[in-house]
Amino acid sequence: MSGVSRRLARAAYWTCAWTFGYAVLKAYWAAGGKALRTTLGFPEHVWRSTGFAVVNGATVAVALVGSVVALGFVRPWGRRAPWWALSVPAWAASGVLLLYSVPKLVLNVLGSVGLLSATGGMSAQEVQRVSRWHLVLWTPFFLVWGLLWGATAWFACKERRSAR
C-alpha cells in the first residue's frame, strides 16, 4: 500500500469488498441458493431457467474482474498497469451503477406507495412488496456501490495528477 493515500486505499478496499460480496451472492444464486430471492420479484420458473443461470454466472465473472480492478489501485502490481486500464473501468462502473440506481429510487418510492401499476403477472400488492425491498435493500446497495467506484476513481485520478 506504500505510495497510496489513505483515502484511495479505503475507497479501493471497500470497493473490492463490495464487489466481491456481490460476486458471492450471485454465485450463491447461480448454485441454487434461495436467500433473498423473493425480494426481487422474479417468478420461480425464471430462477430455474438456464438463461438466468448463465446471466448469474456472467455477473459473477464480471464482479470478480471488478474486484481485481479495485485491488489494482492499491497493490504494487496495479501500479504497473496503464492508468486508464484501471480508471476507465472504475469510472464506467460508477456511471452505470449510478445511472441504474438513482432513477430506481424514484420508481421504488412510487411502487412502494402503490402508484405503479402491476405488470408481468404481479399483483399490486406484490409490486408494492418488491418495491419496498428494492427501496430499502437493493437500490441503496447499487447506489453505494456506484459511489464507491466513483470515489476510488476520483482519488486515483487526484493522486495521479498530484504525482505529475
Protein backbone atom coordinates (compact mmCIF):
# COMPACT_ATOMS: atom_id res chain seq x y z
CA MET A 1 0.00 0.00 0.00
CA SER A 2 3.05 2.27 0.03
CA GLY A 3 2.66 5.30 -2.18
CA VAL A 4 -1.12 5.24 -1.96
CA SER A 5 -3.13 7.74 0.05
CA ARG A 6 -5.23 6.52 2.92
CA ARG A 7 -8.38 7.79 1.17
CA LEU A 8 -7.64 5.88 -2.02
CA ALA A 9 -6.77 2.75 -0.05
CA ARG A 10 -10.03 2.89 1.92
CA ALA A 11 -12.12 3.54 -1.17
CA ALA A 12 -10.41 0.80 -3.20
CA TYR A 13 -10.61 -1.85 -0.48
CA TRP A 14 -14.27 -1.03 0.24
CA THR A 15 -15.00 -1.17 -3.49
CA CYS A 16 -13.22 -4.51 -3.75
CA ALA A 17 -15.12 -5.94 -0.76
CA TRP A 18 -18.49 -4.64 -2.01
CA THR A 19 -17.85 -6.01 -5.50
CA PHE A 20 -16.63 -9.36 -4.19
CA GLY A 21 -19.68 -9.61 -1.91
CA TYR A 22 -21.90 -9.16 -4.94
CA ALA A 23 -19.99 -11.92 -6.74
CA VAL A 24 -20.52 -14.25 -3.78
CA LEU A 25 -24.26 -13.52 -3.69
CA LYS A 26 -24.63 -14.09 -7.43
CA ALA A 27 -22.59 -17.33 -7.23
CA TYR A 28 -24.84 -18.47 -4.38
CA TRP A 29 -27.92 -17.81 -6.52
CA ALA A 30 -26.36 -19.48 -9.57
CA ALA A 31 -25.73 -22.55 -7.41
CA GLY A 32 -29.42 -22.64 -6.43
CA GLY A 33 -29.37 -20.64 -3.19
CA LYS A 34 -32.73 -19.23 -2.17
CA ALA A 35 -31.99 -16.49 0.39
CA LEU A 36 -33.27 -13.04 -0.63
CA ARG A 37 -34.70 -14.33 -3.90
CA THR A 38 -38.25 -13.33 -3.03
CA THR A 39 -37.11 -9.72 -2.60
CA LEU A 40 -36.52 -9.42 -6.35
CA GLY A 41 -39.96 -10.37 -7.63
CA PHE A 42 -38.92 -12.93 -10.25
CA PRO A 43 -41.22 -15.96 -10.62
CA GLU A 44 -39.75 -19.34 -9.71
CA HIS A 45 -39.56 -20.54 -13.32
CA VAL A 46 -37.20 -17.64 -14.10
CA TRP A 47 -34.86 -18.67 -11.27
CA ARG A 48 -34.77 -22.23 -12.64
CA SER A 49 -34.09 -21.21 -16.25
CA THR A 50 -30.77 -21.84 -17.94
CA GLY A 51 -30.65 -18.27 -19.21
CA PHE A 52 -30.91 -16.89 -15.69
CA ALA A 53 -28.12 -19.22 -14.51
CA VAL A 54 -25.93 -18.01 -17.39
CA VAL A 55 -26.65 -14.36 -16.53
CA ASN A 56 -25.81 -15.00 -12.87
CA GLY A 57 -22.60 -16.77 -13.88
CA ALA A 58 -21.61 -13.89 -16.16
CA THR A 59 -22.22 -11.35 -13.41
CA VAL A 60 -20.05 -13.41 -11.07
CA ALA A 61 -17.22 -13.26 -13.61
CA VAL A 62 -17.63 -9.51 -14.16
CA ALA A 63 -17.73 -8.86 -10.41
CA LEU A 64 -14.59 -10.94 -9.84
CA VAL A 65 -12.77 -8.96 -12.53
CA GLY A 66 -14.08 -5.79 -10.89
CA SER A 67 -12.65 -6.90 -7.54
CA VAL A 68 -9.25 -7.30 -9.17
CA VAL A 69 -9.54 -3.87 -10.82
CA ALA A 70 -10.34 -2.28 -7.45
CA LEU A 71 -7.32 -4.00 -5.87
CA GLY A 72 -5.16 -2.80 -8.75
CA PHE A 73 -5.44 0.75 -7.43
CA VAL A 74 -3.64 -0.15 -4.21
CA ARG A 75 -1.49 -3.20 -4.89
CA PRO A 76 2.02 -2.94 -6.37
CA TRP A 77 1.12 -5.00 -9.46
CA GLY A 78 -1.62 -2.47 -10.25
CA ARG A 79 0.93 0.33 -10.42
CA ARG A 80 2.49 -1.40 -13.44
CA ALA A 81 -0.80 -1.27 -15.36
CA PRO A 82 -1.52 1.76 -17.57
CA TRP A 83 -3.57 4.28 -15.57
CA TRP A 84 -6.51 4.01 -17.97
CA ALA A 85 -6.71 0.22 -17.55
CA LEU A 86 -7.98 0.81 -14.01
CA SER A 87 -9.54 4.28 -14.22
CA VAL A 88 -11.75 3.73 -17.27
CA PRO A 89 -13.45 0.60 -15.85
CA ALA A 90 -13.83 2.32 -12.47
CA TRP A 91 -15.47 5.41 -13.94
CA ALA A 92 -17.63 3.21 -16.20
CA ALA A 93 -18.77 1.07 -13.26
CA SER A 94 -19.60 4.16 -11.24
CA GLY A 95 -21.59 5.67 -14.10
CA VAL A 96 -23.54 2.51 -14.87
CA LEU A 97 -24.37 1.81 -11.23
CA LEU A 98 -25.43 5.40 -10.54
CA LEU A 99 -27.47 5.62 -13.74
CA TYR A 100 -29.20 2.42 -12.69
CA SER A 101 -29.80 3.24 -9.04
CA VAL A 102 -30.80 6.91 -8.99
CA PRO A 103 -33.88 6.55 -11.25
CA LYS A 104 -34.71 3.29 -9.45
CA LEU A 105 -35.02 5.25 -6.20
CA VAL A 106 -37.86 7.26 -7.72
CA LEU A 107 -39.52 4.16 -9.19
CA ASN A 108 -39.20 2.29 -5.90
CA VAL A 109 -40.82 5.13 -3.96
CA LEU A 110 -43.68 5.24 -6.47
CA GLY A 111 -44.07 1.45 -6.40
CA SER A 112 -43.92 1.19 -2.63
CA VAL A 113 -46.79 3.64 -2.17
CA GLY A 114 -48.92 1.97 -4.84
CA LEU A 115 -48.50 4.49 -7.68
CA LEU A 116 -47.11 1.94 -10.16
CA SER A 117 -49.47 -0.46 -11.85
CA ALA A 118 -48.93 -4.20 -11.66
CA THR A 119 -47.04 -5.73 -14.58
CA GLY A 120 -45.61 -9.07 -15.60
CA GLY A 121 -48.22 -11.10 -13.78
CA MET A 122 -47.55 -9.40 -10.43
CA SER A 123 -50.40 -8.21 -8.27
CA ALA A 124 -50.49 -4.63 -7.00
CA GLN A 125 -49.56 -5.91 -3.52
CA GLU A 126 -46.59 -7.82 -4.95
CA VAL A 127 -45.39 -4.69 -6.79
CA GLN A 128 -45.55 -2.77 -3.50
CA ARG A 129 -43.74 -5.51 -1.57
CA VAL A 130 -40.94 -5.86 -4.13
CA SER A 131 -40.63 -2.07 -4.49
CA ARG A 132 -40.19 -1.73 -0.75
CA TRP A 133 -37.45 -4.37 -0.72
CA HIS A 134 -35.72 -2.56 -3.57
CA LEU A 135 -36.12 0.78 -1.78
CA VAL A 136 -34.53 -0.41 1.46
CA LEU A 137 -32.04 -3.01 0.19
CA TRP A 138 -31.18 -3.34 -3.49
CA THR A 139 -31.26 0.23 -4.75
CA PRO A 140 -29.20 1.59 -1.83
CA PHE A 141 -26.77 -1.31 -2.37
CA PHE A 142 -26.23 -0.33 -6.02
CA LEU A 143 -26.14 3.39 -5.17
CA VAL A 144 -23.42 2.90 -2.55
CA TRP A 145 -21.55 0.60 -4.93
CA GLY A 146 -21.59 3.27 -7.63
CA LEU A 147 -20.40 5.89 -5.16
CA LEU A 148 -17.57 3.59 -4.04
CA TRP A 149 -16.38 3.10 -7.61
CA GLY A 150 -16.61 6.85 -8.17
CA ALA A 151 -14.65 7.62 -5.02
CA THR A 152 -11.97 5.09 -5.96
CA ALA A 153 -11.63 6.55 -9.47
CA TRP A 154 -11.69 10.12 -8.14
CA PHE A 155 -8.96 9.56 -5.54
CA ALA A 156 -6.85 7.63 -8.03
CA CYS A 157 -7.08 10.40 -10.63
CA LYS A 158 -6.35 13.01 -7.97
CA GLU A 159 -3.23 11.12 -6.91
CA ARG A 160 -2.11 10.72 -10.49
CA ARG A 161 -2.47 14.47 -11.11
CA SER A 162 -0.54 15.38 -7.97
CA ALA A 163 2.24 12.90 -8.85
CA ARG A 164 2.89 14.58 -12.21
